[in-house]
Amino acid sequence: MKYLHTMVRVTDVDASLRFYCQGLGFKEVRRSDNEKGRYTLIFLSATGKEDGALVELTYNWDPEAYTGGRNFGHLAIAVPNIYDTCKHLQGMGVTINRPPRDGNMAFVRSPDNISVEVLQDGPPLAMAEPWSSMPNTGVW
């Protein structure tokens, strides 16, 4: 068996690519438009290659309201420095819903309310401000 991808529906391609690519560091590896089905598929990779698990962003051309982002669960990524990543996301206007108080784990949400768990790659970093005393915001 080979795990291929996780699909999330998005309502704004530009905002989603800004979050996933500029914010989290994913790279677009493939895109296809389906005129008959009226949708676009955008595949993202953490490595810039298609040889690992991908995130598939599905954009339906006809407007549709999506609900229940939390019951999807979450995506999880490992980053070299969780504090730097969270600071970068904050600078982009992303709310850190669950700050990395423990130097190990944080949660943020995409523009379409998909929960993303950000984990420190390797051992937790030493606890540091402003993260260690920052409260949770919203839900994750």
Protein backbone atom coordinates (compact mmCIF):
# COMPACT_ATOMS: atom_id res chain seq x y z
CA MET A 1 0.00 0.00 0.00
CA LYS A 2 1.09 3.57 -0.66
CA TYR A 3 -0.58 6.57 0.97
CA LEU A 4 -1.26 9.10 -1.81
CA HIS A 5 -2.95 12.27 -0.59
CA THR A 6 -5.46 14.04 1.62
CA MET A 7 -8.05 16.21 -0.12
CA VAL A 8 -9.44 19.43 1.32
CA ARG A 9 -11.95 21.66 -0.43
CA VAL A 10 -11.03 25.32 -0.73
CA THR A 11 -13.08 28.39 -1.57
CA ASP A 12 -10.28 30.81 -2.52
CA VAL A 13 -7.31 29.39 -4.43
CA ASP A 14 -5.08 32.43 -3.89
CA ALA A 15 -5.71 32.60 -0.13
CA SER A 16 -5.21 28.84 0.19
CA LEU A 17 -1.94 28.84 -1.75
CA ARG A 18 -0.71 31.78 0.32
CA PHE A 19 -1.45 29.83 3.52
CA TYR A 20 -0.17 26.40 2.46
CA CYS A 21 2.79 27.52 0.29
CA GLN A 22 3.96 30.89 1.60
CA GLY A 23 2.88 30.20 5.18
CA LEU A 24 3.62 26.52 5.75
CA GLY A 25 6.18 25.90 3.01
CA PHE A 26 4.37 23.44 0.75
CA LYS A 27 5.20 23.49 -2.96
CA GLU A 28 2.72 23.12 -5.83
CA VAL A 29 3.68 20.04 -7.86
CA ARG A 30 0.68 19.57 -10.15
CA ARG A 31 -2.51 21.33 -11.17
CA SER A 32 -5.39 20.27 -13.40
CA ASP A 33 -8.64 21.89 -14.47
CA ASN A 34 -11.68 19.77 -15.28
CA GLU A 35 -14.03 21.80 -17.50
CA LYS A 36 -16.77 19.14 -17.53
CA GLY A 37 -16.72 18.64 -13.75
CA ARG A 38 -16.13 22.37 -13.13
CA TYR A 39 -13.29 22.00 -10.65
CA THR A 40 -9.54 22.53 -10.26
CA LEU A 41 -7.20 20.16 -8.42
CA ILE A 42 -3.94 21.50 -7.01
CA PHE A 43 -1.48 19.04 -5.50
CA LEU A 44 1.01 20.24 -2.89
CA SER A 45 4.10 18.54 -1.52
CA ALA A 46 6.29 19.24 1.46
CA THR A 47 9.36 18.31 -0.61
CA GLY A 48 8.47 19.72 -4.02
CA LYS A 49 8.35 16.16 -5.40
CA GLU A 50 5.41 13.85 -5.99
CA ASP A 51 7.02 10.83 -4.34
CA GLY A 52 5.48 11.36 -0.90
CA ALA A 53 2.03 11.98 0.48
CA LEU A 54 0.39 15.07 -1.01
CA VAL A 55 -2.26 17.57 -0.04
CA GLU A 56 -4.89 17.92 -2.75
CA LEU A 57 -6.67 21.26 -2.78
CA THR A 58 -9.99 20.96 -4.60
CA TYR A 59 -11.58 24.14 -5.87
CA ASN A 60 -15.14 23.77 -7.14
CA TRP A 61 -15.90 26.51 -9.66
CA ASP A 62 -19.53 26.85 -8.59
CA PRO A 63 -19.78 28.50 -5.16
CA GLU A 64 -20.62 26.14 -2.34
CA ALA A 65 -20.70 26.61 1.44
CA TYR A 66 -18.51 24.12 3.31
CA THR A 67 -19.20 23.39 6.95
CA GLY A 68 -17.72 21.06 9.53
CA GLY A 69 -14.01 21.83 9.04
CA ARG A 70 -13.32 20.58 12.55
CA ASN A 71 -14.89 17.15 11.98
CA PHE A 72 -12.37 16.61 9.15
CA GLY A 73 -9.69 16.23 11.80
CA HIS A 74 -6.42 17.88 10.86
CA LEU A 75 -3.35 17.84 8.66
CA ALA A 76 -0.02 17.47 10.45
CA ILE A 77 3.37 18.77 9.37
CA ALA A 78 6.84 18.75 10.97
CA VAL A 79 8.94 21.91 10.79
CA PRO A 80 12.61 22.62 11.65
CA ASN A 81 11.73 25.39 14.14
CA ILE A 82 8.17 25.65 15.42
CA TYR A 83 8.69 29.12 16.90
CA ASP A 84 9.99 30.54 13.62
CA THR A 85 7.11 28.95 11.70
CA CYS A 86 4.48 30.30 14.10
CA LYS A 87 6.06 33.76 14.04
CA HIS A 88 6.07 33.69 10.24
CA LEU A 89 2.40 32.64 10.13
CA GLN A 90 1.47 35.36 12.64
CA GLY A 91 3.22 37.89 10.43
CA MET A 92 0.95 36.75 7.60
CA GLY A 93 -2.11 37.40 9.77
CA VAL A 94 -2.74 33.75 10.68
CA THR A 95 -4.14 33.18 14.18
CA ILE A 96 -2.17 30.69 16.26
CA ASN A 97 -5.12 28.81 17.78
CA ARG A 98 -3.02 26.61 20.03
CA PRO A 99 0.40 28.24 20.61
CA PRO A 100 3.53 26.07 20.88
CA ARG A 101 3.78 26.58 24.65
CA ASP A 102 5.66 23.28 25.00
CA GLY A 103 8.08 23.99 22.14
CA ASN A 104 6.60 21.01 20.33
CA MET A 105 3.04 21.47 19.04
CA ALA A 106 0.82 24.23 17.69
CA PHE A 107 -2.45 24.39 15.75
CA VAL A 108 -3.52 26.90 13.11
CA ARG A 109 -6.38 27.01 10.61
CA SER A 110 -6.35 27.47 6.86
CA PRO A 111 -8.49 30.11 5.14
CA ASP A 112 -11.15 27.37 4.78
CA ASN A 113 -11.06 26.46 8.48
CA ILE A 114 -9.02 23.27 8.06
CA SER A 115 -7.07 22.53 11.22
CA VAL A 116 -3.31 22.11 10.74
CA GLU A 117 -1.11 20.67 13.48
CA VAL A 118 2.42 22.07 13.38
CA LEU A 119 4.97 19.85 15.13
CA GLN A 120 8.61 20.45 15.98
CA ASP A 121 10.76 18.06 13.94
CA GLY A 122 12.88 16.36 16.56
CA PRO A 123 12.96 17.06 20.30
CA PRO A 124 10.87 19.94 21.65
CA LEU A 125 12.51 23.36 21.75
CA ALA A 126 13.07 25.02 25.13
CA MET A 127 9.97 26.85 26.31
CA ALA A 128 10.11 30.51 25.29
CA GLU A 129 8.05 33.67 25.31
CA PRO A 130 5.76 34.89 23.96
CA TRP A 131 4.62 31.33 23.28
CA SER A 132 4.79 29.79 26.75
CA SER A 133 2.25 32.21 28.25
CA MET A 134 0.07 32.75 25.16
CA PRO A 135 -3.53 31.54 25.60
CA ASN A 136 -5.47 29.41 23.13
CA THR A 137 -7.62 31.31 20.63
CA GLY A 138 -10.76 29.70 19.25
CA VAL A 139 -10.73 25.99 18.54
CA TRP A 140 -8.35 23.80 16.67
